[in-house]
Amino acid sequence: MKLSTLDALQAARAARRPVVLVKRIADGEEVLIFKDRAEGALASDAAAVAAGRAALESGKSETVETASGKLFVQAFIPPQRMIVVGAVHIAQALVPMAAMSGFDVTVIDPRRAFASDSRFPGVTVLTDWPDEAMERLKPDPATAVVTLTHDPKLDDPALIVALNSDAFYVGSLGSRNTHAKRKARLNEAGITDAQFARIHGPVGLNLGGRSPAEIAISILAQIIQVRSAQAAEREPRERAA
């Protein structure tokens, strides 16, 4: 692998930008395929670019036979991410289940008594104020955001950042009455009705559970449901393109 290619891959990884490396086995020529462009010696090779774009959608790495030779196609797709605001009991149940489901999980809570490594072993825990942490994390289309604190001082700033981002899922704990009060506050802070409608609140599927673990299951189930529905909606558009 060329040094310039390695540098570009590392930059894409740091920015959580999906990219595919396509290398022609015969001579080692390469091209990097991003969603909006192709960079490298094989950028004019239609077969190489097509193979890279297919891998960008599927996330699969493979060897492909083409008219111009055998290609090694390697996909670098960032893992889906879950940002949990509030290091509460529900989070203690949700976080390990989300990690087992393939999410890269980050917990945010400035209350150090809650946000400790002992409560969330093996997970990134940030004790910054939620809006500051969220601005750094930059939720993207592969990110789910869940707020669980019940404290407007913590949940609302995080929701404002999430609703102004491309996060594929935004959910917030609270009753219907709490959600109505939340809407009034966020509208006053500049969030439109269309933006507010993105929030799943009360959060989670209505499974009838009441314990922290049962609520966590309902939240994770809803996130997976939303993710699957969005993927199914994209497929016809991608085939048409």
Protein backbone atom coordinates (compact mmCIF):
# COMPACT_ATOMS: atom_id res chain seq x y z
CA MET A 1 0.00 0.00 0.00
CA LYS A 2 1.31 3.43 -0.93
CA LEU A 3 2.05 5.85 1.90
CA SER A 4 -0.34 8.42 0.43
CA THR A 5 -3.08 5.78 0.38
CA LEU A 6 -2.42 4.85 4.00
CA ASP A 7 -2.55 8.52 5.03
CA ALA A 8 -5.88 8.96 3.22
CA LEU A 9 -7.32 5.84 4.86
CA GLN A 10 -6.26 7.03 8.31
CA ALA A 11 -7.80 10.46 7.69
CA ALA A 12 -11.05 8.84 6.56
CA ARG A 13 -11.12 6.63 9.62
CA ALA A 14 -10.58 9.61 11.93
CA ALA A 15 -13.45 11.44 10.22
CA ARG A 16 -15.69 8.32 10.21
CA ARG A 17 -15.89 8.59 6.42
CA PRO A 18 -16.63 5.33 4.54
CA VAL A 19 -14.03 4.50 1.90
CA VAL A 20 -13.09 1.53 -0.28
CA LEU A 21 -9.59 0.66 -1.49
CA VAL A 22 -9.46 -1.06 -4.88
CA LYS A 23 -6.11 -2.51 -5.91
CA ARG A 24 -5.25 -4.20 -9.22
CA ILE A 25 -3.35 -7.31 -8.24
CA ALA A 26 -1.23 -7.49 -11.41
CA ASP A 27 0.56 -4.18 -10.95
CA GLY A 28 -0.54 -2.80 -7.56
CA GLU A 29 -2.28 0.27 -8.99
CA GLU A 30 -4.92 1.63 -6.61
CA VAL A 31 -7.96 3.84 -6.31
CA LEU A 32 -9.82 5.06 -3.23
CA ILE A 33 -13.59 5.25 -3.61
CA PHE A 34 -15.49 7.77 -1.49
CA LYS A 35 -19.19 8.54 -1.74
CA ASP A 36 -18.51 11.67 -3.76
CA ARG A 37 -15.29 10.94 -5.61
CA ALA A 38 -12.58 8.50 -6.71
CA GLU A 39 -8.88 9.20 -6.13
CA GLY A 40 -5.90 7.30 -7.53
CA ALA A 41 -4.36 5.78 -10.64
CA LEU A 42 -7.41 3.59 -11.32
CA ALA A 43 -9.91 6.44 -11.07
CA SER A 44 -10.48 6.26 -14.84
CA ASP A 45 -11.00 2.47 -14.75
CA ALA A 46 -14.79 2.07 -14.88
CA ALA A 47 -14.71 -1.53 -13.64
CA ALA A 48 -12.54 -0.64 -10.64
CA VAL A 49 -14.73 2.31 -9.71
CA ALA A 50 -17.91 0.23 -10.10
CA ALA A 51 -16.48 -2.52 -7.89
CA GLY A 52 -15.53 0.06 -5.28
CA ARG A 53 -18.95 1.70 -5.28
CA ALA A 54 -20.63 -1.69 -4.87
CA ALA A 55 -18.43 -2.42 -1.86
CA LEU A 56 -19.17 1.03 -0.44
CA GLU A 57 -22.86 0.06 -0.33
CA SER A 58 -22.45 -3.56 0.78
CA GLY A 59 -19.52 -3.07 3.16
CA LYS A 60 -18.03 -6.33 1.88
CA SER A 61 -14.40 -6.91 0.92
CA GLU A 62 -13.70 -9.36 -1.90
CA THR A 63 -11.62 -10.22 -4.96
CA VAL A 64 -13.27 -9.35 -8.28
CA GLU A 65 -12.44 -10.49 -11.81
CA THR A 66 -12.76 -7.72 -14.42
CA ALA A 67 -11.77 -7.18 -18.04
CA SER A 68 -8.79 -5.12 -16.88
CA GLY A 69 -7.61 -7.77 -14.41
CA LYS A 70 -8.22 -9.15 -10.94
CA LEU A 71 -9.02 -6.55 -8.32
CA PHE A 72 -8.75 -6.74 -4.53
CA VAL A 73 -11.58 -4.65 -3.05
CA GLN A 74 -11.31 -3.72 0.63
CA ALA A 75 -14.10 -1.80 2.36
CA PHE A 76 -13.40 0.44 5.36
CA ILE A 77 -16.84 1.24 6.80
CA PRO A 78 -16.98 2.89 10.25
CA PRO A 79 -19.05 0.93 12.79
CA GLN A 80 -22.47 2.24 13.67
CA ARG A 81 -22.32 4.38 16.76
CA MET A 82 -24.59 5.02 19.72
CA ILE A 83 -24.26 8.11 21.90
CA VAL A 84 -26.01 7.73 25.26
CA VAL A 85 -26.54 10.90 27.31
CA GLY A 86 -27.07 9.96 30.94
CA ALA A 87 -25.10 7.34 32.86
CA VAL A 88 -28.25 6.02 34.56
CA HIS A 89 -29.51 2.49 35.33
CA ILE A 90 -31.15 2.15 31.91
CA ALA A 91 -27.84 3.08 30.31
CA GLN A 92 -26.07 0.38 32.31
CA ALA A 93 -28.36 -2.18 30.69
CA LEU A 94 -28.49 -0.54 27.23
CA VAL A 95 -24.77 -0.01 26.71
CA PRO A 96 -23.58 -3.65 26.85
CA MET A 97 -26.52 -4.81 24.71
CA ALA A 98 -25.76 -2.13 22.12
CA ALA A 99 -22.08 -3.09 22.10
CA MET A 100 -23.01 -6.75 21.55
CA SER A 101 -25.20 -5.60 18.65
CA GLY A 102 -22.22 -4.00 16.93
CA PHE A 103 -22.52 -0.37 18.03
CA ASP A 104 -19.52 1.68 19.06
CA VAL A 105 -20.95 3.21 22.26
CA THR A 106 -20.09 6.48 23.99
CA VAL A 107 -21.68 7.55 27.29
CA ILE A 108 -21.88 11.26 28.18
CA ASP A 109 -22.65 12.56 31.66
CA PRO A 110 -20.93 15.42 33.51
CA ARG A 111 -22.04 13.90 36.84
CA ARG A 112 -18.89 12.03 37.79
CA ALA A 113 -20.67 9.97 40.44
CA PHE A 114 -22.62 8.34 37.61
CA ALA A 115 -20.11 8.47 34.76
CA SER A 116 -17.43 6.10 35.98
CA ASP A 117 -15.42 3.38 34.29
CA SER A 118 -16.56 0.90 36.94
CA ARG A 119 -20.21 1.41 35.90
CA PHE A 120 -19.37 1.22 32.18
CA PRO A 121 -16.32 -1.02 31.75
CA GLY A 122 -14.73 -1.06 28.33
CA VAL A 123 -16.82 1.86 27.08
CA THR A 124 -15.84 5.45 26.26
CA VAL A 125 -17.25 7.66 29.04
CA LEU A 126 -17.13 11.45 28.69
CA THR A 127 -17.77 13.82 31.57
CA ASP A 128 -18.07 16.96 29.43
CA TRP A 129 -21.33 18.87 29.18
CA PRO A 130 -23.45 17.03 26.60
CA ASP A 131 -23.57 19.80 23.99
CA GLU A 132 -19.79 20.20 24.08
CA ALA A 133 -19.20 16.45 23.82
CA MET A 134 -21.77 16.11 21.03
CA GLU A 135 -20.21 18.93 19.03
CA ARG A 136 -16.89 17.07 19.15
CA LEU A 137 -18.41 13.68 18.34
CA LYS A 138 -20.32 15.11 15.35
CA PRO A 139 -23.26 12.67 14.98
CA ASP A 140 -23.41 11.33 11.43
CA PRO A 141 -25.82 9.12 9.42
CA ALA A 142 -24.40 6.06 11.22
CA THR A 143 -25.11 7.47 14.70
CA ALA A 144 -28.01 6.92 17.10
CA VAL A 145 -28.46 9.39 19.97
CA VAL A 146 -30.40 8.54 23.14
CA THR A 147 -30.93 10.94 26.06
CA LEU A 148 -31.86 9.38 29.40
CA THR A 149 -31.19 11.89 32.17
CA HIS A 150 -34.69 13.39 32.60
CA ASP A 151 -32.82 16.65 33.26
CA PRO A 152 -33.51 19.39 30.67
CA LYS A 153 -30.15 21.01 31.46
CA LEU A 154 -28.44 17.88 30.13
CA ASP A 155 -30.90 16.37 27.65
CA ASP A 156 -32.00 19.52 25.81
CA PRO A 157 -28.54 20.75 24.69
CA ALA A 158 -27.69 17.24 23.46
CA LEU A 159 -30.99 17.02 21.56
CA ILE A 160 -30.40 20.38 19.90
CA VAL A 161 -27.05 19.18 18.53
CA ALA A 162 -28.54 15.80 17.50
CA LEU A 163 -31.51 17.38 15.70
CA ASN A 164 -29.16 19.65 13.76
CA SER A 165 -27.08 16.65 12.70
CA ASP A 166 -27.53 13.70 10.34
CA ALA A 167 -28.00 11.16 13.16
CA PHE A 168 -30.23 8.37 11.88
CA TYR A 169 -32.03 8.03 15.22
CA VAL A 170 -32.79 10.42 18.08
CA GLY A 171 -34.67 9.21 21.15
CA SER A 172 -35.42 10.72 24.54
CA LEU A 173 -36.72 9.19 27.75
CA GLY A 174 -39.84 10.65 29.35
CA SER A 175 -43.63 10.47 29.49
CA ARG A 176 -45.94 12.08 26.91
CA ASN A 177 -46.41 15.01 29.26
CA THR A 178 -42.63 15.36 29.65
CA HIS A 179 -42.27 15.18 25.86
CA ALA A 180 -44.82 17.97 25.37
CA LYS A 181 -42.91 20.21 27.78
CA ARG A 182 -39.70 19.28 25.97
CA LYS A 183 -41.23 20.40 22.68
CA ALA A 184 -42.08 23.83 24.10
CA ARG A 185 -38.54 24.31 25.38
CA LEU A 186 -36.87 23.16 22.17
CA ASN A 187 -39.19 25.25 19.99
CA GLU A 188 -38.20 28.26 22.07
CA ALA A 189 -34.54 27.31 21.50
CA GLY A 190 -35.06 27.37 17.72
CA ILE A 191 -35.89 23.75 16.93
CA THR A 192 -38.65 23.56 14.31
CA ASP A 193 -41.66 21.25 14.53
CA ALA A 194 -40.21 19.19 11.66
CA GLN A 195 -36.95 18.76 13.52
CA PHE A 196 -38.71 17.90 16.77
CA ALA A 197 -40.74 15.23 14.97
CA ARG A 198 -37.49 13.27 14.53
CA ILE A 199 -37.38 12.53 18.26
CA HIS A 200 -38.69 9.14 19.33
CA GLY A 201 -40.37 10.08 22.57
CA PRO A 202 -41.34 8.43 24.74
CA VAL A 203 -38.29 6.47 23.63
CA GLY A 204 -38.45 2.77 22.71
CA LEU A 205 -41.02 0.35 21.36
CA ASN A 206 -44.07 -0.15 23.54
CA LEU A 207 -43.24 -3.65 24.80
CA GLY A 208 -44.89 -3.16 28.18
CA GLY A 209 -41.66 -3.48 30.15
CA ARG A 210 -40.93 -1.38 33.22
CA SER A 211 -37.53 -2.43 34.57
CA PRO A 212 -34.33 -0.68 33.38
CA ALA A 213 -33.32 -3.78 31.40
CA GLU A 214 -36.75 -4.07 29.77
CA ILE A 215 -36.75 -0.38 28.81
CA ALA A 216 -33.23 -0.78 27.42
CA ILE A 217 -34.40 -3.69 25.27
CA SER A 218 -37.27 -1.59 23.93
CA ILE A 219 -34.87 1.25 23.04
CA LEU A 220 -32.39 -1.00 21.25
CA ALA A 221 -35.24 -2.75 19.42
CA GLN A 222 -36.56 0.59 18.17
CA ILE A 223 -33.13 1.72 17.01
CA ILE A 224 -32.65 -1.52 15.07
CA GLN A 225 -36.17 -1.18 13.62
CA VAL A 226 -35.48 2.38 12.44
CA ARG A 227 -32.10 1.42 11.02
CA SER A 228 -33.58 -1.53 9.10
CA ALA A 229 -36.46 0.56 7.74
CA GLN A 230 -34.09 3.26 6.52
CA ALA A 231 -31.85 0.67 4.85
CA ALA A 232 -34.86 -0.89 3.10
CA GLU A 233 -35.96 2.55 1.91
CA ARG A 234 -32.51 3.29 0.46
CA GLU A 235 -32.21 0.05 -1.54
CA PRO A 236 -34.68 0.93 -4.34
CA ARG A 237 -33.09 4.37 -4.74
CA GLU A 238 -29.61 2.85 -4.94
CA ARG A 239 -30.70 0.29 -7.54
CA ALA A 240 -32.35 3.06 -9.57
CA ALA A 241 -29.16 5.12 -9.43
